[in-house]
C-alpha atoms as a PDB file:
ATOM      1  CA  MET A   1      -1.993  -9.227  -2.845  1.00  0.00           C
ATOM      2  CA  ALA A   2      -5.080 -10.761  -1.339  1.00  0.00           C
ATOM      3  CA  LEU A   3      -5.165 -10.457   2.455  1.00  0.00           C
ATOM      4  CA  PHE A   4      -6.937 -12.422   5.194  1.00  0.00           C
ATOM      5  CA  SER A   5      -8.603 -10.552   8.006  1.00  0.00           C
ATOM      6  CA  MET A   6     -11.452 -11.704  10.250  1.00  0.00           C
ATOM      7  CA  ARG A   7     -12.065 -10.057  13.642  1.00  0.00           C
ATOM      8  CA  MET A   8     -14.682 -11.061  16.091  1.00  0.00           C
ATOM      9  CA  GLN A   9     -16.125  -9.108  19.003  1.00  0.00           C
ATOM     10  CA  VAL A  10     -19.029  -9.603  21.450  1.00  0.00           C
ATOM     11  CA  LEU A  11     -21.276  -6.644  22.199  1.00  0.00           C
ATOM     12  CA  SER A  12     -21.907  -6.484  25.941  1.00  0.00           C
ATOM     13  CA  ARG A  13     -23.857  -4.179  28.139  1.00  0.00           C
ATOM     14  CA  SER A  14     -21.017  -4.306  30.668  1.00  0.00           C
ATOM     15  CA  LYS A  15     -19.093  -2.182  28.190  1.00  0.00           C
ATOM     16  CA  SER A  16     -22.051   0.111  27.490  1.00  0.00           C
ATOM     17  CA  ARG A  17     -22.682  -1.457  24.071  1.00  0.00           C
ATOM     18  CA  SER A  18     -26.057  -1.564  22.446  1.00  0.00           C
ATOM     19  CA  SER A  19     -26.888  -3.940  19.575  1.00  0.00           C
ATOM     20  CA  VAL A  20     -29.481  -1.503  18.207  1.00  0.00           C
ATOM     21  CA  ALA A  21     -26.896   1.341  18.083  1.00  0.00           C
ATOM     22  CA  ALA A  22     -24.347  -1.002  16.455  1.00  0.00           C
ATOM     23  CA  ALA A  23     -26.946  -2.152  13.863  1.00  0.00           C
ATOM     24  CA  ALA A  24     -27.899   1.479  13.007  1.00  0.00           C
ATOM     25  CA  TYR A  25     -24.301   2.518  12.528  1.00  0.00           C
ATOM     26  CA  ARG A  26     -23.328  -0.410  10.382  1.00  0.00           C
ATOM     27  CA  SER A  27     -26.392  -0.231   8.239  1.00  0.00           C
ATOM     28  CA  GLY A  28     -26.559   3.511   7.947  1.00  0.00           C
ATOM     29  CA  GLU A  29     -30.187   3.669   9.137  1.00  0.00           C
ATOM     30  CA  LYS A  30     -32.283   5.373  11.693  1.00  0.00           C
ATOM     31  CA  LEU A  31     -33.227   2.910  14.467  1.00  0.00           C
ATOM     32  CA  ARG A  32     -34.829   3.556  17.881  1.00  0.00           C
ATOM     33  CA  ASP A  33     -33.584   1.677  20.960  1.00  0.00           C
ATOM     34  CA  ASP A  34     -36.734   0.978  22.963  1.00  0.00           C
ATOM     35  CA  ARG A  35     -34.864  -0.160  26.034  1.00  0.00           C
ATOM     36  CA  GLN A  36     -32.784   3.038  26.311  1.00  0.00           C
ATOM     37  CA  GLY A  37     -35.325   5.374  24.744  1.00  0.00           C
ATOM     38  CA  ILE A  38     -32.713   6.658  22.252  1.00  0.00           C
ATOM     39  CA  THR A  39     -32.972   7.095  18.484  1.00  0.00           C
ATOM     40  CA  HIS A  40     -29.737   6.437  16.586  1.00  0.00           C
ATOM     41  CA  ASP A  41     -29.701   8.144  13.134  1.00  0.00           C
ATOM     42  CA  TYR A  42     -26.756   7.326  10.852  1.00  0.00           C
ATOM     43  CA  ARG A  43     -28.571   7.944   7.546  1.00  0.00           C
ATOM     44  CA  ASN A  44     -25.917  10.498   6.507  1.00  0.00           C
ATOM     45  CA  ARG A  45     -22.924   8.169   6.754  1.00  0.00           C
ATOM     46  CA  GLY A  46     -21.508   6.798   3.542  1.00  0.00           C
ATOM     47  CA  GLY A  47     -19.787   3.642   2.360  1.00  0.00           C
ATOM     48  CA  VAL A  48     -22.794   1.268   2.906  1.00  0.00           C
ATOM     49  CA  GLU A  49     -23.288  -0.711  -0.340  1.00  0.00           C
ATOM     50  CA  HIS A  50     -25.811  -3.379   0.643  1.00  0.00           C
ATOM     51  CA  THR A  51     -27.615  -4.763   3.713  1.00  0.00           C
ATOM     52  CA  GLU A  52     -29.797  -7.785   4.343  1.00  0.00           C
ATOM     53  CA  ILE A  53     -31.033 -10.076   7.178  1.00  0.00           C
ATOM     54  CA  LEU A  54     -30.687 -13.881   6.888  1.00  0.00           C
ATOM     55  CA  LEU A  55     -32.985 -16.242   8.825  1.00  0.00           C
ATOM     56  CA  PRO A  56     -32.383 -19.977   9.490  1.00  0.00           C
ATOM     57  CA  ALA A  57     -34.504 -22.567   7.769  1.00  0.00           C
ATOM     58  CA  GLY A  58     -37.721 -23.197   9.691  1.00  0.00           C
ATOM     59  CA  ALA A  59     -37.685 -19.832  11.502  1.00  0.00           C
ATOM     60  CA  PRO A  60     -40.824 -19.165  13.585  1.00  0.00           C
ATOM     61  CA  ALA A  61     -43.517 -16.987  12.180  1.00  0.00           C
ATOM     62  CA  TRP A  62     -42.876 -13.964  14.501  1.00  0.00           C
ATOM     63  CA  VAL A  63     -39.438 -13.420  12.881  1.00  0.00           C
ATOM     64  CA  GLN A  64     -40.551 -13.816   9.235  1.00  0.00           C
ATOM     65  CA  GLY A  65     -40.168 -10.531   7.407  1.00  0.00           C
ATOM     66  CA  ILE A  66     -38.798  -8.766  10.498  1.00  0.00           C
ATOM     67  CA  ASP A  67     -36.952  -5.502  10.017  1.00  0.00           C
ATOM     68  CA  ARG A  68     -33.644  -4.469  11.525  1.00  0.00           C
ATOM     69  CA  GLU A  69     -35.207  -2.298  14.289  1.00  0.00           C
ATOM     70  CA  ARG A  70     -37.669  -4.956  15.500  1.00  0.00           C
ATOM     71  CA  LEU A  71     -34.969  -7.689  15.407  1.00  0.00           C
ATOM     72  CA  TRP A  72     -32.398  -6.055  17.640  1.00  0.00           C
ATOM     73  CA  ASN A  73     -35.008  -4.547  19.937  1.00  0.00           C
ATOM     74  CA  ALA A  74     -36.303  -8.133  20.461  1.00  0.00           C
ATOM     75  CA  VAL A  75     -32.762  -9.241  21.162  1.00  0.00           C
ATOM     76  CA  GLU A  76     -32.370  -6.428  23.788  1.00  0.00           C
ATOM     77  CA  ALA A  77     -35.756  -7.251  25.369  1.00  0.00           C
ATOM     78  CA  GLY A  78     -34.810 -10.907  25.742  1.00  0.00           C
ATOM     79  CA  GLU A  79     -31.719 -10.112  27.873  1.00  0.00           C
ATOM     80  CA  LYS A  80     -32.336  -9.238  31.531  1.00  0.00           C
ATOM     81  CA  ARG A  81     -28.861  -8.928  33.039  1.00  0.00           C
ATOM     82  CA  LYS A  82     -27.007  -5.629  33.198  1.00  0.00           C
ATOM     83  CA  ASP A  83     -23.915  -7.374  31.823  1.00  0.00           C
ATOM     84  CA  SER A  84     -25.616  -9.337  29.109  1.00  0.00           C
ATOM     85  CA  GLN A  85     -23.925 -10.221  25.945  1.00  0.00           C
ATOM     86  CA  THR A  86     -26.446  -9.297  23.167  1.00  0.00           C
ATOM     87  CA  ALA A  87     -24.738  -9.949  19.901  1.00  0.00           C
ATOM     88  CA  ARG A  88     -21.574 -11.152  18.206  1.00  0.00           C
ATOM     89  CA  GLU A  89     -20.016  -9.273  15.290  1.00  0.00           C
ATOM     90  CA  LEU A  90     -17.586 -10.350  12.638  1.00  0.00           C
ATOM     91  CA  ARG A  91     -15.657  -7.909  10.477  1.00  0.00           C
ATOM     92  CA  ILE A  92     -14.541  -9.717   7.308  1.00  0.00           C
ATOM     93  CA  MET A  93     -12.191  -8.272   4.815  1.00  0.00           C
ATOM     94  CA  ILE A  94     -13.310  -9.110   1.207  1.00  0.00           C
ATOM     95  CA  PRO A  95     -10.453  -9.574  -1.272  1.00  0.00           C
ATOM     96  CA  ARG A  96     -10.382  -6.446  -3.530  1.00  0.00           C
ATOM     97  CA  GLU A  97      -9.345  -8.802  -6.395  1.00  0.00           C
ATOM     98  CA  LEU A  98     -12.972 -10.124  -6.469  1.00  0.00           C
ATOM     99  CA  PRO A  99     -15.222  -8.248  -8.926  1.00  0.00           C
ATOM    100  CA  PRO A 100     -17.933  -6.160  -7.205  1.00  0.00           C
ATOM    101  CA  GLU A 101     -20.739  -8.396  -8.374  1.00  0.00           C
ATOM    102  CA  GLU A 102     -19.221 -11.406  -6.579  1.00  0.00           C
ATOM    103  CA  ARG A 103     -18.521  -9.774  -3.183  1.00  0.00           C
ATOM    104  CA  ILE A 104     -22.158  -9.935  -1.960  1.00  0.00           C
ATOM    105  CA  ASN A 105     -22.559 -13.586  -3.007  1.00  0.00           C
ATOM    106  CA  VAL A 106     -19.331 -14.844  -1.477  1.00  0.00           C
ATOM    107  CA  VAL A 107     -20.096 -13.369   1.972  1.00  0.00           C
ATOM    108  CA  ARG A 108     -23.743 -14.475   1.833  1.00  0.00           C
ATOM    109  CA  ASP A 109     -22.670 -18.059   0.974  1.00  0.00           C
ATOM    110  CA  PHE A 110     -20.115 -18.118   3.819  1.00  0.00           C
ATOM    111  CA  VAL A 111     -22.563 -16.717   6.463  1.00  0.00           C
ATOM    112  CA  LEU A 112     -25.340 -19.107   5.494  1.00  0.00           C
ATOM    113  CA  LYS A 113     -23.200 -22.182   5.833  1.00  0.00           C
ATOM    114  CA  SER A 114     -21.175 -21.261   8.948  1.00  0.00           C
ATOM    115  CA  PHE A 115     -23.690 -19.388  11.066  1.00  0.00           C
ATOM    116  CA  VAL A 116     -27.288 -19.317   9.819  1.00  0.00           C
ATOM    117  CA  ALA A 117     -27.291 -23.046   9.367  1.00  0.00           C
ATOM    118  CA  LYS A 118     -26.564 -23.441  13.069  1.00  0.00           C
ATOM    119  CA  GLY A 119     -29.649 -21.420  14.018  1.00  0.00           C
ATOM    120  CA  MET A 120     -28.294 -17.880  14.195  1.00  0.00           C
ATOM    121  CA  VAL A 121     -29.918 -14.782  12.716  1.00  0.00           C
ATOM    122  CA  ALA A 122     -27.380 -12.797  10.613  1.00  0.00           C
ATOM    123  CA  ASP A 123     -27.570  -9.089   9.864  1.00  0.00           C
ATOM    124  CA  ILE A 124     -25.038  -8.331   7.122  1.00  0.00           C
ATOM    125  CA  CYS A 125     -23.842  -4.920   5.943  1.00  0.00           C
ATOM    126  CA  TRP A 126     -21.457  -4.605   3.068  1.00  0.00           C
ATOM    127  CA  HIS A 127     -19.205  -1.565   3.186  1.00  0.00           C
ATOM    128  CA  ASN A 128     -16.531  -0.120   0.846  1.00  0.00           C
ATOM    129  CA  LYS A 129     -14.324   2.913   1.239  1.00  0.00           C
ATOM    130  CA  ILE A 130     -11.091   4.268  -0.134  1.00  0.00           C
ATOM    131  CA  SER A 131      -7.956   3.492   1.874  1.00  0.00           C
ATOM    132  CA  ASP A 132      -5.957   6.372   3.380  1.00  0.00           C
ATOM    133  CA  THR A 133      -2.707   4.524   2.812  1.00  0.00           C
ATOM    134  CA  ASP A 134      -2.741   3.355  -0.762  1.00  0.00           C
ATOM    135  CA  GLY A 135      -5.770   5.061  -2.196  1.00  0.00           C
ATOM    136  CA  ARG A 136      -7.510   1.754  -3.217  1.00  0.00           C
ATOM    137  CA  GLU A 137     -10.882   0.473  -2.175  1.00  0.00           C
ATOM    138  CA  GLN A 138     -11.367  -1.551   1.058  1.00  0.00           C
ATOM    139  CA  PRO A 139     -14.358  -3.829   0.624  1.00  0.00           C
ATOM    140  CA  HIS A 140     -15.463  -5.504   3.834  1.00  0.00           C
ATOM    141  CA  ALA A 141     -18.598  -6.819   5.578  1.00  0.00           C
ATOM    142  CA  HIS A 142     -19.950  -6.466   9.103  1.00  0.00           C
ATOM    143  CA  VAL A 143     -21.942  -9.482  10.272  1.00  0.00           C
ATOM    144  CA  MET A 144     -23.946  -9.155  13.498  1.00  0.00           C
ATOM    145  CA  LEU A 145     -25.144 -12.516  14.843  1.00  0.00           C
ATOM    146  CA  THR A 146     -27.696 -13.328  17.529  1.00  0.00           C
ATOM    147  CA  MET A 147     -26.387 -15.149  20.723  1.00  0.00           C
ATOM    148  CA  ARG A 148     -29.530 -17.272  21.186  1.00  0.00           C
ATOM    149  CA  PRO A 149     -31.446 -19.701  18.915  1.00  0.00           C
ATOM    150  CA  LEU A 150     -34.914 -18.817  17.736  1.00  0.00           C
ATOM    151  CA  VAL A 151     -37.985 -20.366  19.432  1.00  0.00           C
ATOM    152  CA  ALA A 152     -41.702 -20.102  18.865  1.00  0.00           C
ATOM    153  CA  ASP A 153     -42.115 -16.926  20.989  1.00  0.00           C
ATOM    154  CA  GLY A 154     -38.708 -15.361  21.109  1.00  0.00           C
ATOM    155  CA  PHE A 155     -35.153 -16.543  21.705  1.00  0.00           C
ATOM    156  CA  GLY A 156     -34.095 -19.711  23.583  1.00  0.00           C
ATOM    157  CA  GLN A 157     -31.257 -20.589  25.850  1.00  0.00           C
ATOM    158  CA  LYS A 158     -27.642 -19.834  24.794  1.00  0.00           C
ATOM    159  CA  VAL A 159     -25.583 -22.713  23.536  1.00  0.00           C
ATOM    160  CA  ARG A 160     -22.804 -22.786  26.120  1.00  0.00           C
ATOM    161  CA  HIS A 161     -19.805 -24.973  26.939  1.00  0.00           C
ATOM    162  CA  ASP A 162     -17.518 -25.648  29.940  1.00  0.00           C
ATOM    163  CA  TRP A 163     -13.830 -26.510  30.164  1.00  0.00           C
ATOM    164  CA  VAL A 164     -13.376 -30.149  31.339  1.00  0.00           C
ATOM    165  CA  PRO A 165     -10.349 -32.491  31.616  1.00  0.00           C
ATOM    166  CA  ASP A 166      -9.648 -34.376  28.392  1.00  0.00           C
ATOM    167  CA  PRO A 167     -11.600 -37.688  28.546  1.00  0.00           C
ATOM    168  CA  SER A 168      -8.637 -39.439  26.917  1.00  0.00           C
ATOM    169  CA  GLY A 169      -6.565 -38.539  30.058  1.00  0.00           C
ATOM    170  CA  ARG A 170      -4.009 -36.328  28.315  1.00  0.00           C
ATOM    171  CA  LEU A 171      -1.676 -34.454  30.680  1.00  0.00           C
ATOM    172  CA  HIS A 172       0.700 -31.426  30.406  1.00  0.00           C
ATOM    173  CA  PRO A 173       4.373 -31.960  31.085  1.00  0.00           C
ATOM    174  CA  ASP A 174       3.924 -30.713  34.658  1.00  0.00           C
ATOM    175  CA  GLY A 175       1.161 -33.287  35.313  1.00  0.00           C
ATOM    176  CA  ARG A 176      -1.864 -30.976  34.908  1.00  0.00           C
ATOM    177  CA  PRO A 177      -4.713 -32.359  32.808  1.00  0.00           C
ATOM    178  CA  VAL A 178      -5.311 -30.931  29.288  1.00  0.00           C
ATOM    179  CA  MET A 179      -8.629 -29.045  29.382  1.00  0.00           C
ATOM    180  CA  VAL A 180     -11.031 -29.297  26.482  1.00  0.00           C
ATOM    181  CA  VAL A 181     -14.488 -27.958  25.741  1.00  0.00           C
ATOM    182  CA  SER A 182     -17.470 -29.973  26.959  1.00  0.00           C
ATOM    183  CA  ASN A 183     -19.636 -28.961  23.967  1.00  0.00           C
ATOM    184  CA  ALA A 184     -17.878 -28.833  20.583  1.00  0.00           C
ATOM    185  CA  GLN A 185     -21.092 -27.360  19.048  1.00  0.00           C
ATOM    186  CA  SER A 186     -21.114 -24.360  21.351  1.00  0.00           C
ATOM    187  CA  TRP A 187     -21.353 -21.001  19.544  1.00  0.00           C
ATOM    188  CA  ASN A 188     -18.612 -19.607  21.823  1.00  0.00           C
ATOM    189  CA  CYS A 189     -16.247 -22.522  21.293  1.00  0.00           C
ATOM    190  CA  PRO A 190     -12.706 -21.420  20.152  1.00  0.00           C
ATOM    191  CA  ASP A 191     -12.511 -24.502  17.895  1.00  0.00           C
ATOM    192  CA  TYR A 192     -15.733 -23.391  16.184  1.00  0.00           C
ATOM    193  CA  TYR A 193     -14.334 -19.951  15.547  1.00  0.00           C
ATOM    194  CA  GLU A 194     -11.189 -21.426  14.086  1.00  0.00           C
ATOM    195  CA  ARG A 195     -13.335 -23.632  11.810  1.00  0.00           C
ATOM    196  CA  CYS A 196     -15.145 -20.520  10.635  1.00  0.00           C
ATOM    197  CA  ARG A 197     -11.878 -18.860   9.745  1.00  0.00           C
ATOM    198  CA  GLU A 198     -10.934 -21.870   7.736  1.00  0.00           C
ATOM    199  CA  ALA A 199     -14.399 -21.899   5.995  1.00  0.00           C
ATOM    200  CA  TRP A 200     -13.937 -18.250   4.992  1.00  0.00           C
ATOM    201  CA  GLU A 201     -10.470 -18.924   3.598  1.00  0.00           C
ATOM    202  CA  ASN A 202     -11.816 -21.793   1.493  1.00  0.00           C
ATOM    203  CA  THR A 203     -14.908 -19.871   0.383  1.00  0.00           C
ATOM    204  CA  ALA A 204     -12.970 -16.773  -0.646  1.00  0.00           C
ATOM    205  CA  ASN A 205     -10.249 -18.727  -2.439  1.00  0.00           C
ATOM    206  CA  ALA A 206     -12.844 -20.668  -4.401  1.00  0.00           C
ATOM    207  CA  ALA A 207     -14.409 -17.321  -5.452  1.00  0.00           C
ATOM    208  CA  LEU A 208     -10.986 -15.969  -6.469  1.00  0.00           C
ATOM    209  CA  ALA A 209     -10.407 -19.053  -8.608  1.00  0.00           C
ATOM    210  CA  ARG A 210     -13.802 -18.668 -10.328  1.00  0.00           C
ATOM    211  CA  ALA A 211     -12.921 -14.997 -11.031  1.00  0.00           C
ATOM    212  CA  GLY A 212      -9.681 -16.024 -12.698  1.00  0.00           C
ATOM    213  CA  SER A 213      -7.380 -14.469 -10.146  1.00  0.00           C
ATOM    214  CA  ASP A 214      -4.180 -16.182  -9.059  1.00  0.00           C
ATOM    215  CA  GLN A 215      -4.278 -14.487  -5.628  1.00  0.00           C
ATOM    216  CA  ARG A 216      -5.194 -16.505  -2.512  1.00  0.00           C
ATOM    217  CA  ILE A 217      -5.776 -15.611   1.103  1.00  0.00           C
ATOM    218  CA  ASP A 218      -4.274 -17.580   4.002  1.00  0.00           C
ATOM    219  CA  ARG A 219      -5.451 -17.458   7.569  1.00  0.00           C
ATOM    220  CA  ARG A 220      -2.182 -18.838   8.987  1.00  0.00           C
ATOM    221  CA  SER A 221       0.441 -16.526  10.505  1.00  0.00           C
ATOM    222  CA  TYR A 222       3.837 -15.925   8.923  1.00  0.00           C
ATOM    223  CA  LEU A 223       5.394 -18.209  11.560  1.00  0.00           C
ATOM    224  CA  GLU A 224       3.047 -21.057  10.683  1.00  0.00           C
ATOM    225  CA  ARG A 225       3.777 -20.576   6.964  1.00  0.00           C
ATOM    226  CA  GLY A 226       7.548 -20.590   7.636  1.00  0.00           C
ATOM    227  CA  LEU A 227       8.076 -17.060   6.446  1.00  0.00           C
ATOM    228  CA  SER A 228      10.759 -14.884   8.084  1.00  0.00           C
ATOM    229  CA  ARG A 229       8.780 -11.754   8.065  1.00  0.00           C
ATOM    230  CA  LEU A 230       7.525  -9.479  10.881  1.00  0.00           C
ATOM    231  CA  PRO A 231       3.787  -8.752  10.709  1.00  0.00           C
ATOM    232  CA  GLU A 232       2.865  -5.137  10.263  1.00  0.00           C
ATOM    233  CA  PRO A 233       0.548  -3.883  13.072  1.00  0.00           C
ATOM    234  CA  ALA A 234      -2.802  -2.467  12.051  1.00  0.00           C
ATOM    235  CA  LEU A 235      -2.520   1.268  12.405  1.00  0.00           C
ATOM    236  CA  ARG A 236      -6.240   2.039  12.509  1.00  0.00           C
ATOM    237  CA  LEU A 237      -6.647   5.043  14.855  1.00  0.00           C
ATOM    238  CA  ALA A 238      -2.886   5.684  15.213  1.00  0.00           C
ATOM    239  CA  PHE A 239      -2.641   6.489  11.451  1.00  0.00           C
ATOM    240  CA  HIS A 240      -5.169   9.282  11.935  1.00  0.00           C
ATOM    241  CA  LEU A 241      -3.611  10.409  15.232  1.00  0.00           C
ATOM    242  CA  LYS A 242      -0.388  11.123  13.320  1.00  0.00           C
ATOM    243  CA  GLU A 243      -2.233  13.883  11.349  1.00  0.00           C
ATOM    244  CA  LEU A 244      -4.281  14.872  14.434  1.00  0.00           C
ATOM    245  CA  TYR A 245      -1.117  15.609  16.429  1.00  0.00           C
ATOM    246  CA  GLY A 246      -0.059  18.221  13.912  1.00  0.00           C
ATOM    247  CA  VAL A 247      -3.571  19.740  13.929  1.00  0.00           C
ATOM    248  CA  MET A 248      -3.641  19.785  17.678  1.00  0.00           C
ATOM    249  CA  LYS A 249      -0.268  21.564  17.827  1.00  0.00           C
ATOM    250  CA  GLU A 250      -1.477  24.190  15.404  1.00  0.00           C
ATOM    251  CA  ARG A 251      -4.783  24.694  17.212  1.00  0.00           C
ATOM    252  CA  PHE A 252      -3.073  24.853  20.618  1.00  0.00           C
ATOM    253  CA  GLY A 253      -0.678  27.469  19.273  1.00  0.00           C
ATOM    254  CA  GLN A 254      -3.636  29.502  18.090  1.00  0.00           C
ATOM    255  CA  PHE A 255      -5.289  29.174  21.545  1.00  0.00           C
ATOM    256  CA  GLN A 256      -2.049  30.307  23.271  1.00  0.00           C
ATOM    257  CA  ARG A 257      -1.773  33.345  20.974  1.00  0.00           C
ATOM    258  CA  ALA A 258      -5.388  34.329  21.442  1.00  0.00           C
ATOM    259  CA  ARG A 259      -5.085  34.020  25.245  1.00  0.00           C
ATOM    260  CA  HIS A 260      -1.886  36.147  25.137  1.00  0.00           C
ATOM    261  CA  TYR A 261      -3.558  38.819  23.048  1.00  0.00           C
ATOM    262  CA  ARG A 262      -6.481  38.991  25.428  1.00  0.00           C
ATOM    263  CA  ALA A 263      -4.113  39.397  28.329  1.00  0.00           C
ATOM    264  CA  VAL A 264      -2.176  42.214  26.515  1.00  0.00           C
ATOM    265  CA  GLU A 265      -5.513  43.933  25.695  1.00  0.00           C
ATOM    266  CA  SER A 266      -6.601  43.698  29.328  1.00  0.00           C
ATOM    267  CA  ARG A 267      -3.275  45.122  30.667  1.00  0.00           C
ATOM    268  CA  ALA A 268      -3.468  47.933  28.158  1.00  0.00           C
ATOM    269  CA  LYS A 269      -6.988  48.847  29.101  1.00  0.00           C
ATOM    270  CA  ALA A 270      -5.980  48.882  32.790  1.00  0.00           C
ATOM    271  CA  ALA A 271      -3.006  51.062  32.022  1.00  0.00           C
ATOM    272  CA  PHE A 272      -5.185  53.615  30.029  1.00  0.00           C
ATOM    273  CA  ALA A 273      -7.821  53.559  32.838  1.00  0.00           C
ATOM    274  CA  LYS A 274      -5.090  54.384  35.389  1.00  0.00           C
ATOM    275  CA  LEU A 275      -3.905  57.307  33.292  1.00  0.00           C
ATOM    276  CA  ASP A 276      -7.439  58.593  32.887  1.00  0.00           C
ATOM    277  CA  ALA A 277      -7.957  58.473  36.614  1.00  0.00           C
ATOM    278  CA  SER A 278      -4.738  60.324  37.409  1.00  0.00           C
ATOM    279  CA  PRO A 279      -4.324  64.172  37.172  1.00  0.00           C
ATOM    280  CA  MET A 280      -3.069  65.238  33.776  1.00  0.00           C
ATOM    281  CA  THR A 281       0.367  66.588  34.695  1.00  0.00           C
ATOM    282  CA  PRO A 282       3.251  66.834  32.220  1.00  0.00           C
ATOM    283  CA  ASP A 283       4.655  63.577  33.581  1.00  0.00           C
ATOM    284  CA  ALA A 284       1.389  61.881  33.237  1.00  0.00           C
ATOM    285  CA  ALA A 285       1.044  63.119  29.680  1.00  0.00           C
ATOM    286  CA  ARG A 286       4.442  61.788  28.797  1.00  0.00           C
ATOM    287  CA  GLN A 287       3.566  58.388  30.401  1.00  0.00           C
ATOM    288  CA  ALA A 288       0.256  58.248  28.419  1.00  0.00           C
ATOM    289  CA  LYS A 289       2.112  58.974  25.165  1.00  0.00           C
ATOM    290  CA  ASP A 290       4.751  56.294  25.955  1.00  0.00           C
ATOM    291  CA  THR A 291       2.045  53.734  26.812  1.00  0.00           C
ATOM    292  CA  ALA A 292       0.144  54.374  23.656  1.00  0.00           C
ATOM    293  CA  GLU A 293       3.191  54.181  21.469  1.00  0.00           C
ATOM    294  CA  ARG A 294       4.351  50.894  23.093  1.00  0.00           C
ATOM    295  CA  PHE A 295       0.905  49.379  22.704  1.00  0.00           C
ATOM    296  CA  PHE A 296       0.437  50.266  19.053  1.00  0.00           C
ATOM    297  CA  ALA A 297       4.055  49.311  18.331  1.00  0.00           C
ATOM    298  CA  TRP A 298       3.403  45.950  19.827  1.00  0.00           C
ATOM    299  CA  ILE A 299       0.296  45.471  17.661  1.00  0.00           C
ATOM    300  CA  GLU A 300       2.342  46.385  14.513  1.00  0.00           C
ATOM    301  CA  ARG A 301       5.056  43.777  15.485  1.00  0.00           C
ATOM    302  CA  GLN A 302       2.404  41.076  15.778  1.00  0.00           C
ATOM    303  CA  GLN A 303       1.004  41.895  12.366  1.00  0.00           C
ATOM    304  CA  GLU A 304       4.450  41.709  10.869  1.00  0.00           C
ATOM    305  CA  ARG A 305       5.134  38.423  12.592  1.00  0.00           C
ATOM    306  CA  LEU A 306       1.852  36.941  11.256  1.00  0.00           C
ATOM    307  CA  GLY A 307       2.576  38.187   7.782  1.00  0.00           C
ATOM    308  CA  PRO A 308       4.257  36.027   4.984  1.00  0.00           C
ATOM    309  CA  ALA A 309       7.774  37.079   5.945  1.00  0.00           C
ATOM    310  CA  GLY A 310       7.185  36.511   9.579  1.00  0.00           C
ATOM    311  CA  MET A 311       5.709  33.068   9.073  1.00  0.00           C
ATOM    312  CA  GLU A 312       8.643  32.122   6.906  1.00  0.00           C
ATOM    313  CA  HIS A 313      11.041  33.156   9.697  1.00  0.00           C
ATOM    314  CA  ALA A 314       9.013  31.207  12.258  1.00  0.00           C
ATOM    315  CA  ARG A 315       9.293  28.030  10.150  1.00  0.00           C
ATOM    316  CA  ALA A 316      13.071  28.495   9.920  1.00  0.00           C
ATOM    317  CA  GLY A 317      13.179  28.222  13.656  1.00  0.00           C
ATOM    318  CA  PRO A 318      13.480  30.601  16.556  1.00  0.00           C
ATOM    319  CA  ASN A 319      17.294  30.219  16.894  1.00  0.00           C
ATOM    320  CA  GLN A 320      18.140  30.759  13.283  1.00  0.00           C
ATOM    321  CA  THR A 321      18.728  33.916  11.239  1.00  0.00           C
ATOM    322  CA  HIS A 322      18.684  34.097   7.512  1.00  0.00           C
ATOM    323  CA  GLY A 323      22.447  33.749   7.535  1.00  0.00           C
ATOM    324  CA  GLY A 324      22.347  30.663   9.731  1.00  0.00           C
ATOM    325  CA  ALA A 325      24.142  32.370  12.657  1.00  0.00           C
ATOM    326  CA  MET A 326      22.877  32.363  16.221  1.00  0.00           C
ATOM    327  CA  PRO A 327      21.711  35.783  17.434  1.00  0.00           C
ATOM    328  CA  ASN A 328      23.238  37.243  20.545  1.00  0.00           C
ATOM    329  CA  ALA A 329      20.729  37.125  23.346  1.00  0.00           C
ATOM    330  CA  GLY A 330      21.273  39.784  26.004  1.00  0.00           C
ATOM    331  CA  PRO A 331      20.440  39.160  29.565  1.00  0.00           C
ATOM    332  CA  ASP A 332      17.842  41.909  29.808  1.00  0.00           C
ATOM    333  CA  ARG A 333      14.688  42.412  27.778  1.00  0.00           C
ATOM    334  CA  ASP A 334      14.102  45.693  25.949  1.00  0.00           C
ATOM    335  CA  ALA A 335      11.254  47.257  27.994  1.00  0.00           C
ATOM    336  CA  SER A 336      10.302  49.429  25.015  1.00  0.00           C
ATOM    337  CA  ARG A 337       9.316  46.297  23.049  1.00  0.00           C
ATOM    338  CA  SER A 338       7.172  44.768  25.706  1.00  0.00           C
ATOM    339  CA  PRO A 339       3.349  45.200  25.979  1.00  0.00           C
ATOM    340  CA  PRO A 340       2.191  47.813  28.530  1.00  0.00           C
ATOM    341  CA  THR A 341       1.153  46.866  31.967  1.00  0.00           C
ATOM    342  CA  SER A 342      -0.999  48.484  34.617  1.00  0.00           C
ATOM    343  CA  ASP A 343       2.010  49.941  36.496  1.00  0.00           C
ATOM    344  CA  LEU A 344       3.854  50.830  33.231  1.00  0.00           C
ATOM    345  CA  GLU A 345       6.941  48.843  34.199  1.00  0.00           C
ATOM    346  CA  ARG A 346       8.368  45.586  32.904  1.00  0.00           C
END
């Protein structure tokens, strides 16, 4: 089933985001951030199928033939505030029903008409990976867009808007005026973003029709479509945390065992050192023999516990025997089965 997904985010310095770092990661390239003096190298990452930069018609000479590193360093240099918004990014899911040779063209056509035609510079990276849930491919594109229009010597002023009362005088039921945007052409306008979502829906569905597929994407919610279904939340990191929890439990158990073994070794060494320092009387000899036997017996029990039979018993649970009966737990521990201590008492 063809699915619709388009997420937008703004890269801001207030959140410690860098457009150069983001471009390096999405393109799988090595880029240097001149403002921060940091080199971001993601050449070893996989899944990047194609990258390109699109310029608006009539772009000035300084940006013609520009590479990715120079472009985003110029963007960073043009912003002076410590909380500047440097770039806008879209993550677009490409229907997997489209043949691979059509996926680049459909995204390029959409970006040219919806963003580049308005004066934005677009940096597009096509990705594809295998899904962890169904084992199928997940084609998608990351589109990084400049926040300012191009001018002869750099970037111009941002296209902004304000919220003003509706000129037609519309009011809410409680008497408050309905607020509308003052500039419908603003790049940050919510209506403009909704128009972009509609444009992607139409562009992708036209490509699906040309490919002979009967699948279509729909930007509307289940409620807007009149479907009585609950939307499934995107798992993203939570899906991997499910496996990470089991790994963390196992690693923490290993850590606890290692720390316990080190403590036992330390106590045994202290006990033997105390015996070496004391006069070798018959009682001391018996204590030394008992300490050594207890220590080596404890080591043998740990080896048995970590063997195949011991691990199978551990998986069955600490409160189960092979017959399923609960063992009788006495109130006192058997001191002979405890690791030795410095004072030889438990």
